[in-house]
């Protein structure tokens, strides 16, 4: 179990990441978070294109090999092509 101090540190870090443009994406199964990614979106003026950086993919061990990571990547790619820029 995590301590209150660990939780406070986590939420402080999360707030800083949000200020820097990071977003969290999650996939739920029966109201339970089973997979999540951290993503950062930006426009690269040198190449003239949009870029998405995905990091820290976490998948619940009990649901691995169900393709949830791939589904979440598709969701992020779809969102990147429309509304995040």
PDB file of N, CA and C in Angstrom:
ATOM      1  N   UNK A   1       0.844  -1.164   0.000  1.00  0.00           N
ATOM      2  CA  UNK A   1       0.000   0.000   0.000  1.00  0.00           C
ATOM      3  C   UNK A   1       0.895   1.235   0.000  1.00  0.00           C
ATOM      4  N   UNK A   2       0.470   2.229  -0.780  1.00  0.00           N
ATOM      5  CA  UNK A   2       1.245   3.457  -0.885  1.00  0.00           C
ATOM      6  C   UNK A   2       0.876   4.419   0.237  1.00  0.00           C
ATOM      7  N   UNK A   3       1.848   5.183   0.625  1.00  0.00           N
ATOM      8  CA  UNK A   3       1.610   6.145   1.690  1.00  0.00           C
ATOM      9  C   UNK A   3       0.960   7.408   1.128  1.00  0.00           C
ATOM     10  N   UNK A   4       0.424   8.214   2.001  1.00  0.00           N
ATOM     11  CA  UNK A   4      -0.166   9.488   1.613  1.00  0.00           C
ATOM     12  C   UNK A   4       0.888  10.377   0.964  1.00  0.00           C
ATOM     13  N   UNK A   5       2.111  10.365   1.494  1.00  0.00           N
ATOM     14  CA  UNK A   5       3.195  11.161   0.929  1.00  0.00           C
ATOM     15  C   UNK A   5       3.486  10.732  -0.505  1.00  0.00           C
ATOM     16  N   UNK A   6       3.542   9.425  -0.763  1.00  0.00           N
ATOM     17  CA  UNK A   6       3.768   8.936  -2.128  1.00  0.00           C
ATOM     18  C   UNK A   6       2.652   9.388  -3.059  1.00  0.00           C
ATOM     19  N   UNK A   7       1.428   9.358  -2.592  1.00  0.00           N
ATOM     20  CA  UNK A   7       0.291   9.799  -3.402  1.00  0.00           C
ATOM     21  C   UNK A   7       0.392  11.282  -3.720  1.00  0.00           C
ATOM     22  N   UNK A   8       0.774  12.085  -2.733  1.00  0.00           N
ATOM     23  CA  UNK A   8       0.916  13.527  -2.953  1.00  0.00           C
ATOM     24  C   UNK A   8       2.025  13.824  -3.955  1.00  0.00           C
ATOM     25  N   UNK A   9       3.128  13.132  -3.853  1.00  0.00           N
ATOM     26  CA  UNK A   9       4.237  13.311  -4.798  1.00  0.00           C
ATOM     27  C   UNK A   9       3.786  12.929  -6.205  1.00  0.00           C
ATOM     28  N   UNK A  10       3.069  11.817  -6.317  1.00  0.00           N
ATOM     29  CA  UNK A  10       2.566  11.381  -7.623  1.00  0.00           C
ATOM     30  C   UNK A  10       1.670  12.454  -8.249  1.00  0.00           C
ATOM     31  N   UNK A  11       0.735  12.995  -7.481  1.00  0.00           N
ATOM     32  CA  UNK A  11      -0.181  13.990  -8.033  1.00  0.00           C
ATOM     33  C   UNK A  11       0.527  15.306  -8.363  1.00  0.00           C
ATOM     34  N   UNK A  12       1.558  15.655  -7.634  1.00  0.00           N
ATOM     35  CA  UNK A  12       2.362  16.833  -7.986  1.00  0.00           C
ATOM     36  C   UNK A  12       3.069  16.614  -9.317  1.00  0.00           C
ATOM     37  N   UNK A  13       3.641  15.431  -9.494  1.00  0.00           N
ATOM     38  CA  UNK A  13       4.314  15.110 -10.750  1.00  0.00           C
ATOM     39  C   UNK A  13       3.316  15.096 -11.906  1.00  0.00           C
ATOM     40  N   UNK A  14       2.140  14.548 -11.672  1.00  0.00           N
ATOM     41  CA  UNK A  14       1.099  14.497 -12.696  1.00  0.00           C
ATOM     42  C   UNK A  14       0.683  15.906 -13.107  1.00  0.00           C
ATOM     43  N   UNK A  15       0.553  16.807 -12.158  1.00  0.00           N
ATOM     44  CA  UNK A  15       0.185  18.194 -12.471  1.00  0.00           C
ATOM     45  C   UNK A  15       1.271  18.863 -13.311  1.00  0.00           C
ATOM     46  N   UNK A  16       2.540  18.624 -12.993  1.00  0.00           N
ATOM     47  CA  UNK A  16       3.634  19.203 -13.788  1.00  0.00           C
ATOM     48  C   UNK A  16       3.635  18.638 -15.201  1.00  0.00           C
ATOM     49  N   UNK A  17       3.397  17.339 -15.338  1.00  0.00           N
ATOM     50  CA  UNK A  17       3.353  16.723 -16.666  1.00  0.00           C
ATOM     51  C   UNK A  17       2.214  17.323 -17.487  1.00  0.00           C
ATOM     52  N   UNK A  18       1.072  17.530 -16.877  1.00  0.00           N
ATOM     53  CA  UNK A  18      -0.062  18.126 -17.578  1.00  0.00           C
ATOM     54  C   UNK A  18       0.278  19.524 -18.048  1.00  0.00           C
ATOM     55  N   UNK A  19       0.944  20.301 -17.211  1.00  0.00           N
ATOM     56  CA  UNK A  19       1.367  21.652 -17.585  1.00  0.00           C
ATOM     57  C   UNK A  19       2.331  21.626 -18.768  1.00  0.00           C
ATOM     58  N   UNK A  20       3.105  20.559 -18.899  1.00  0.00           N
ATOM     59  CA  UNK A  20       4.060  20.416 -20.001  1.00  0.00           C
ATOM     60  C   UNK A  20       3.417  19.822 -21.256  1.00  0.00           C
ATOM     61  N   UNK A  21       2.125  19.526 -21.216  1.00  0.00           N
ATOM     62  CA  UNK A  21       1.438  19.030 -22.401  1.00  0.00           C
ATOM     63  C   UNK A  21       1.219  17.531 -22.452  1.00  0.00           C
ATOM     64  N   UNK A  22       1.619  16.816 -21.422  1.00  0.00           N
ATOM     65  CA  UNK A  22       1.399  15.374 -21.410  1.00  0.00           C
ATOM     66  C   UNK A  22      -0.070  15.069 -21.111  1.00  0.00           C
ATOM     67  N   UNK A  23      -0.543  13.984 -21.703  1.00  0.00           N
ATOM     68  CA  UNK A  23      -1.902  13.527 -21.444  1.00  0.00           C
ATOM     69  C   UNK A  23      -1.864  12.044 -21.116  1.00  0.00           C
ATOM     70  N   UNK A  24      -2.825  11.605 -20.359  1.00  0.00           N
ATOM     71  CA  UNK A  24      -2.951  10.186 -20.029  1.00  0.00           C
ATOM     72  C   UNK A  24      -4.146   9.602 -20.777  1.00  0.00           C
ATOM     73  N   UNK A  25      -3.971   8.401 -21.307  1.00  0.00           N
ATOM     74  CA  UNK A  25      -5.040   7.682 -21.978  1.00  0.00           C
ATOM     75  C   UNK A  25      -5.206   6.340 -21.293  1.00  0.00           C
ATOM     76  N   UNK A  26      -6.423   5.957 -21.043  1.00  0.00           N
ATOM     77  CA  UNK A  26      -6.669   4.698 -20.363  1.00  0.00           C
ATOM     78  C   UNK A  26      -7.742   3.874 -21.051  1.00  0.00           C
ATOM     79  N   UNK A  27      -7.663   2.587 -20.860  1.00  0.00           N
ATOM     80  CA  UNK A  27      -8.646   1.653 -21.388  1.00  0.00           C
ATOM     81  C   UNK A  27      -9.228   0.882 -20.210  1.00  0.00           C
ATOM     82  N   UNK A  28     -10.525   0.836 -20.150  1.00  0.00           N
ATOM     83  CA  UNK A  28     -11.212   0.200 -19.025  1.00  0.00           C
ATOM     84  C   UNK A  28     -11.920  -1.073 -19.471  1.00  0.00           C
ATOM     85  N   UNK A  29     -11.941  -2.035 -18.604  1.00  0.00           N
ATOM     86  CA  UNK A  29     -12.702  -3.279 -18.783  1.00  0.00           C
ATOM     87  C   UNK A  29     -13.548  -3.453 -17.529  1.00  0.00           C
ATOM     88  N   UNK A  30     -14.848  -3.432 -17.703  1.00  0.00           N
ATOM     89  CA  UNK A  30     -15.784  -3.581 -16.585  1.00  0.00           C
ATOM     90  C   UNK A  30     -15.461  -2.589 -15.455  1.00  0.00           C
ATOM     91  N   UNK A  31     -15.347  -1.323 -15.805  1.00  0.00           N
ATOM     92  CA  UNK A  31     -15.087  -0.234 -14.847  1.00  0.00           C
ATOM     93  C   UNK A  31     -13.754  -0.347 -14.117  1.00  0.00           C
ATOM     94  N   UNK A  32     -12.804  -1.051 -14.702  1.00  0.00           N
ATOM     95  CA  UNK A  32     -11.479  -1.216 -14.088  1.00  0.00           C
ATOM     96  C   UNK A  32     -10.425  -0.821 -15.108  1.00  0.00           C
ATOM     97  N   UNK A  33      -9.534   0.089 -14.719  1.00  0.00           N
ATOM     98  CA  UNK A  33      -8.454   0.512 -15.606  1.00  0.00           C
ATOM     99  C   UNK A  33      -7.522  -0.671 -15.848  1.00  0.00           C
ATOM    100  N   UNK A  34      -7.339  -1.058 -17.121  1.00  0.00           N
ATOM    101  CA  UNK A  34      -6.508  -2.224 -17.424  1.00  0.00           C
ATOM    102  C   UNK A  34      -5.271  -1.867 -18.242  1.00  0.00           C
ATOM    103  N   UNK A  35      -5.278  -0.690 -18.871  1.00  0.00           N
ATOM    104  CA  UNK A  35      -4.131  -0.303 -19.688  1.00  0.00           C
ATOM    105  C   UNK A  35      -4.090   1.216 -19.767  1.00  0.00           C
ATOM    106  N   UNK A  36      -2.883   1.786 -19.692  1.00  0.00           N
ATOM    107  CA  UNK A  36      -2.777   3.239 -19.844  1.00  0.00           C
ATOM    108  C   UNK A  36      -1.448   3.616 -20.478  1.00  0.00           C
ATOM    109  N   UNK A  37      -1.457   4.752 -21.139  1.00  0.00           N
ATOM    110  CA  UNK A  37      -0.278   5.344 -21.771  1.00  0.00           C
ATOM    111  C   UNK A  37      -0.178   6.792 -21.358  1.00  0.00           C
ATOM    112  N   UNK A  38       1.037   7.287 -21.388  1.00  0.00           N
ATOM    113  CA  UNK A  38       1.281   8.713 -21.273  1.00  0.00           C
ATOM    114  C   UNK A  38       1.676   9.174 -22.666  1.00  0.00           C
ATOM    115  N   UNK A  39       1.111  10.297 -23.126  1.00  0.00           N
ATOM    116  CA  UNK A  39       1.395  10.787 -24.471  1.00  0.00           C
ATOM    117  C   UNK A  39       1.683  12.280 -24.442  1.00  0.00           C
ATOM    118  N   UNK A  40       2.543  12.701 -25.362  1.00  0.00           N
ATOM    119  CA  UNK A  40       2.868  14.104 -25.544  1.00  0.00           C
ATOM    120  C   UNK A  40       2.715  14.405 -27.030  1.00  0.00           C
ATOM    121  N   UNK A  41       1.949  15.426 -27.347  1.00  0.00           N
ATOM    122  CA  UNK A  41       1.680  15.797 -28.728  1.00  0.00           C
ATOM    123  C   UNK A  41       2.420  17.080 -29.063  1.00  0.00           C
ATOM    124  N   UNK A  42       2.962  17.139 -30.285  1.00  0.00           N
ATOM    125  CA  UNK A  42       3.602  18.378 -30.715  1.00  0.00           C
ATOM    126  C   UNK A  42       3.639  18.444 -32.234  1.00  0.00           C
ATOM    127  N   UNK A  43       3.856  19.634 -32.736  1.00  0.00           N
ATOM    128  CA  UNK A  43       4.025  19.857 -34.165  1.00  0.00           C
ATOM    129  C   UNK A  43       5.504  20.130 -34.401  1.00  0.00           C
ATOM    130  N   UNK A  44       6.078  19.434 -35.361  1.00  0.00           N
ATOM    131  CA  UNK A  44       7.475  19.634 -35.703  1.00  0.00           C
ATOM    132  C   UNK A  44       7.525  20.500 -36.956  1.00  0.00           C
ATOM    133  N   UNK A  45       7.957  21.740 -36.803  1.00  0.00           N
ATOM    134  CA  UNK A  45       7.970  22.670 -37.922  1.00  0.00           C
ATOM    135  C   UNK A  45       9.040  22.332 -38.952  1.00  0.00           C
ATOM    136  N   UNK A  46      10.105  21.668 -38.539  1.00  0.00           N
ATOM    137  CA  UNK A  46      11.164  21.308 -39.486  1.00  0.00           C
ATOM    138  C   UNK A  46      10.677  20.273 -40.494  1.00  0.00           C
ATOM    139  N   UNK A  47       9.951  19.281 -40.016  1.00  0.00           N
ATOM    140  CA  UNK A  47       9.450  18.241 -40.927  1.00  0.00           C
ATOM    141  C   UNK A  47       8.034  18.536 -41.388  1.00  0.00           C
ATOM    142  N   UNK A  48       7.408  19.544 -40.788  1.00  0.00           N
ATOM    143  CA  UNK A  48       6.054  19.914 -41.200  1.00  0.00           C
ATOM    144  C   UNK A  48       4.991  18.927 -40.770  1.00  0.00           C
ATOM    145  N   UNK A  49       5.289  18.120 -39.779  1.00  0.00           N
ATOM    146  CA  UNK A  49       4.335  17.094 -39.390  1.00  0.00           C
ATOM    147  C   UNK A  49       4.010  17.086 -37.914  1.00  0.00           C
ATOM    148  N   UNK A  50       3.004  16.319 -37.611  1.00  0.00           N
ATOM    149  CA  UNK A  50       2.584  16.133 -36.226  1.00  0.00           C
ATOM    150  C   UNK A  50       3.343  14.954 -35.641  1.00  0.00           C
ATOM    151  N   UNK A  51       3.628  15.036 -34.365  1.00  0.00           N
ATOM    152  CA  UNK A  51       4.320  13.950 -33.687  1.00  0.00           C
ATOM    153  C   UNK A  51       3.627  13.629 -32.382  1.00  0.00           C
ATOM    154  N   UNK A  52       3.594  12.340 -32.095  1.00  0.00           N
ATOM    155  CA  UNK A  52       3.052  11.860 -30.831  1.00  0.00           C
ATOM    156  C   UNK A  52       4.123  10.993 -30.191  1.00  0.00           C
ATOM    157  N   UNK A  53       4.448  11.284 -28.952  1.00  0.00           N
ATOM    158  CA  UNK A  53       5.382  10.469 -28.189  1.00  0.00           C
ATOM    159  C   UNK A  53       4.584   9.687 -27.159  1.00  0.00           C
ATOM    160  N   UNK A  54       4.677   8.379 -27.241  1.00  0.00           N
ATOM    161  CA  UNK A  54       4.013   7.515 -26.270  1.00  0.00           C
ATOM    162  C   UNK A  54       5.064   6.971 -25.318  1.00  0.00           C
ATOM    163  N   UNK A  55       4.720   6.961 -24.055  1.00  0.00           N
ATOM    164  CA  UNK A  55       5.656   6.396 -23.090  1.00  0.00           C
ATOM    165  C   UNK A  55       4.886   5.784 -21.930  1.00  0.00           C
ATOM    166  N   UNK A  56       5.586   4.992 -21.202  1.00  0.00           N
ATOM    167  CA  UNK A  56       5.055   4.398 -19.984  1.00  0.00           C
ATOM    168  C   UNK A  56       3.745   3.654 -20.203  1.00  0.00           C
ATOM    169  N   UNK A  57       3.777   2.718 -21.122  1.00  0.00           N
ATOM    170  CA  UNK A  57       2.614   1.837 -21.288  1.00  0.00           C
ATOM    171  C   UNK A  57       2.572   0.870 -20.114  1.00  0.00           C
ATOM    172  N   UNK A  58       1.425   0.827 -19.473  1.00  0.00           N
ATOM    173  CA  UNK A  58       1.243  -0.084 -18.344  1.00  0.00           C
ATOM    174  C   UNK A  58      -0.028  -0.882 -18.598  1.00  0.00           C
ATOM    175  N   UNK A  59       0.094  -2.199 -18.525  1.00  0.00           N
ATOM    176  CA  UNK A  59      -1.061  -3.082 -18.713  1.00  0.00           C
ATOM    177  C   UNK A  59      -1.157  -4.027 -17.525  1.00  0.00           C
ATOM    178  N   UNK A  60      -2.349  -4.168 -17.008  1.00  0.00           N
ATOM    179  CA  UNK A  60      -2.591  -5.091 -15.900  1.00  0.00           C
ATOM    180  C   UNK A  60      -2.169  -6.498 -16.325  1.00  0.00           C
ATOM    181  N   UNK A  61      -1.388  -7.159 -15.508  1.00  0.00           N
ATOM    182  CA  UNK A  61      -0.860  -8.485 -15.839  1.00  0.00           C
ATOM    183  C   UNK A  61      -1.952  -9.509 -16.093  1.00  0.00           C
ATOM    184  N   UNK A  62      -3.116  -9.323 -15.502  1.00  0.00           N
ATOM    185  CA  UNK A  62      -4.184 -10.312 -15.666  1.00  0.00           C
ATOM    186  C   UNK A  62      -4.877 -10.228 -17.021  1.00  0.00           C
ATOM    187  N   UNK A  63      -4.614  -9.154 -17.788  1.00  0.00           N
ATOM    188  CA  UNK A  63      -5.282  -9.012 -19.088  1.00  0.00           C
ATOM    189  C   UNK A  63      -4.296  -8.857 -20.243  1.00  0.00           C
ATOM    190  N   UNK A  64      -3.040  -9.150 -19.997  1.00  0.00           N
ATOM    191  CA  UNK A  64      -2.060  -9.066 -21.084  1.00  0.00           C
ATOM    192  C   UNK A  64      -2.394 -10.077 -22.167  1.00  0.00           C
ATOM    193  N   UNK A  65      -1.949  -9.780 -23.373  1.00  0.00           N
ATOM    194  CA  UNK A  65      -2.167 -10.613 -24.569  1.00  0.00           C
ATOM    195  C   UNK A  65      -3.606 -10.561 -25.071  1.00  0.00           C
ATOM    196  N   UNK A  66      -4.362  -9.563 -24.639  1.00  0.00           N
ATOM    197  CA  UNK A  66      -5.716  -9.364 -25.165  1.00  0.00           C
ATOM    198  C   UNK A  66      -5.757  -8.263 -26.224  1.00  0.00           C
ATOM    199  N   UNK A  67      -4.609  -7.668 -26.529  1.00  0.00           N
ATOM    200  CA  UNK A  67      -4.548  -6.633 -27.554  1.00  0.00           C
ATOM    201  C   UNK A  67      -4.924  -5.240 -27.081  1.00  0.00           C
ATOM    202  N   UNK A  68      -5.029  -5.051 -25.769  1.00  0.00           N
ATOM    203  CA  UNK A  68      -5.444  -3.748 -25.254  1.00  0.00           C
ATOM    204  C   UNK A  68      -4.419  -2.652 -25.548  1.00  0.00           C
ATOM    205  N   UNK A  69      -3.145  -2.977 -25.486  1.00  0.00           N
ATOM    206  CA  UNK A  69      -2.110  -1.988 -25.784  1.00  0.00           C
ATOM    207  C   UNK A  69      -2.237  -1.474 -27.205  1.00  0.00           C
ATOM    208  N   UNK A  70      -2.447  -2.379 -28.148  1.00  0.00           N
ATOM    209  CA  UNK A  70      -2.630  -1.996 -29.551  1.00  0.00           C
ATOM    210  C   UNK A  70      -3.876  -1.165 -29.763  1.00  0.00           C
ATOM    211  N   UNK A  71      -4.947  -1.519 -29.076  1.00  0.00           N
ATOM    212  CA  UNK A  71      -6.188  -0.740 -29.182  1.00  0.00           C
ATOM    213  C   UNK A  71      -5.990   0.674 -28.662  1.00  0.00           C
ATOM    214  N   UNK A  72      -5.250   0.795 -27.580  1.00  0.00           N
ATOM    215  CA  UNK A  72      -5.016   2.112 -27.004  1.00  0.00           C
ATOM    216  C   UNK A  72      -4.118   2.949 -27.924  1.00  0.00           C
ATOM    217  N   UNK A  73      -3.137   2.322 -28.561  1.00  0.00           N
ATOM    218  CA  UNK A  73      -2.301   3.042 -29.529  1.00  0.00           C
ATOM    219  C   UNK A  73      -3.162   3.573 -30.669  1.00  0.00           C
ATOM    220  N   UNK A  74      -4.083   2.764 -31.174  1.00  0.00           N
ATOM    221  CA  UNK A  74      -4.970   3.221 -32.248  1.00  0.00           C
ATOM    222  C   UNK A  74      -5.819   4.405 -31.796  1.00  0.00           C
ATOM    223  N   UNK A  75      -6.299   4.368 -30.568  1.00  0.00           N
ATOM    224  CA  UNK A  75      -7.085   5.476 -30.028  1.00  0.00           C
ATOM    225  C   UNK A  75      -6.264   6.757 -29.989  1.00  0.00           C
ATOM    226  N   UNK A  76      -5.027   6.661 -29.527  1.00  0.00           N
ATOM    227  CA  UNK A  76      -4.162   7.828 -29.445  1.00  0.00           C
ATOM    228  C   UNK A  76      -3.852   8.348 -30.847  1.00  0.00           C
ATOM    229  N   UNK A  77      -3.552   7.455 -31.790  1.00  0.00           N
ATOM    230  CA  UNK A  77      -3.277   7.871 -33.171  1.00  0.00           C
ATOM    231  C   UNK A  77      -4.488   8.558 -33.785  1.00  0.00           C
ATOM    232  N   UNK A  78      -5.658   8.024 -33.546  1.00  0.00           N
ATOM    233  CA  UNK A  78      -6.889   8.615 -34.075  1.00  0.00           C
ATOM    234  C   UNK A  78      -7.088  10.012 -33.499  1.00  0.00           C
ATOM    235  N   UNK A  79      -6.892  10.155 -32.208  1.00  0.00           N
ATOM    236  CA  UNK A  79      -7.025  11.454 -31.566  1.00  0.00           C
ATOM    237  C   UNK A  79      -5.988  12.439 -32.061  1.00  0.00           C
ATOM    238  N   UNK A  80      -4.775  11.965 -32.317  1.00  0.00           N
ATOM    239  CA  UNK A  80      -3.711  12.848 -32.787  1.00  0.00           C
ATOM    240  C   UNK A  80      -4.037  13.405 -34.163  1.00  0.00           C
ATOM    241  N   UNK A  81      -4.704  12.630 -34.972  1.00  0.00           N
ATOM    242  CA  UNK A  81      -4.992  13.093 -36.332  1.00  0.00           C
ATOM    243  C   UNK A  81      -6.131  14.104 -36.362  1.00  0.00           C
ATOM    244  N   UNK A  82      -6.852  14.262 -35.273  1.00  0.00           N
ATOM    245  CA  UNK A  82      -7.992  15.167 -35.262  1.00  0.00           C
ATOM    246  C   UNK A  82      -7.842  16.331 -34.298  1.00  0.00           C
ATOM    247  N   UNK A  83      -7.961  16.075 -33.027  1.00  0.00           N
ATOM    248  CA  UNK A  83      -8.258  17.187 -32.116  1.00  0.00           C
ATOM    249  C   UNK A  83      -7.121  17.670 -31.231  1.00  0.00           C
ATOM    250  N   UNK A  84      -5.981  17.062 -31.243  1.00  0.00           N
ATOM    251  CA  UNK A  84      -4.967  17.460 -30.274  1.00  0.00           C
ATOM    252  C   UNK A  84      -3.998  18.499 -30.801  1.00  0.00           C
ATOM    253  N   UNK A  85      -4.225  18.968 -32.037  1.00  0.00           N
ATOM    254  CA  UNK A  85      -3.329  19.978 -32.601  1.00  0.00           C
ATOM    255  C   UNK A  85      -4.125  21.165 -33.071  1.00  0.00           C
TER     256      UNK A  85
END
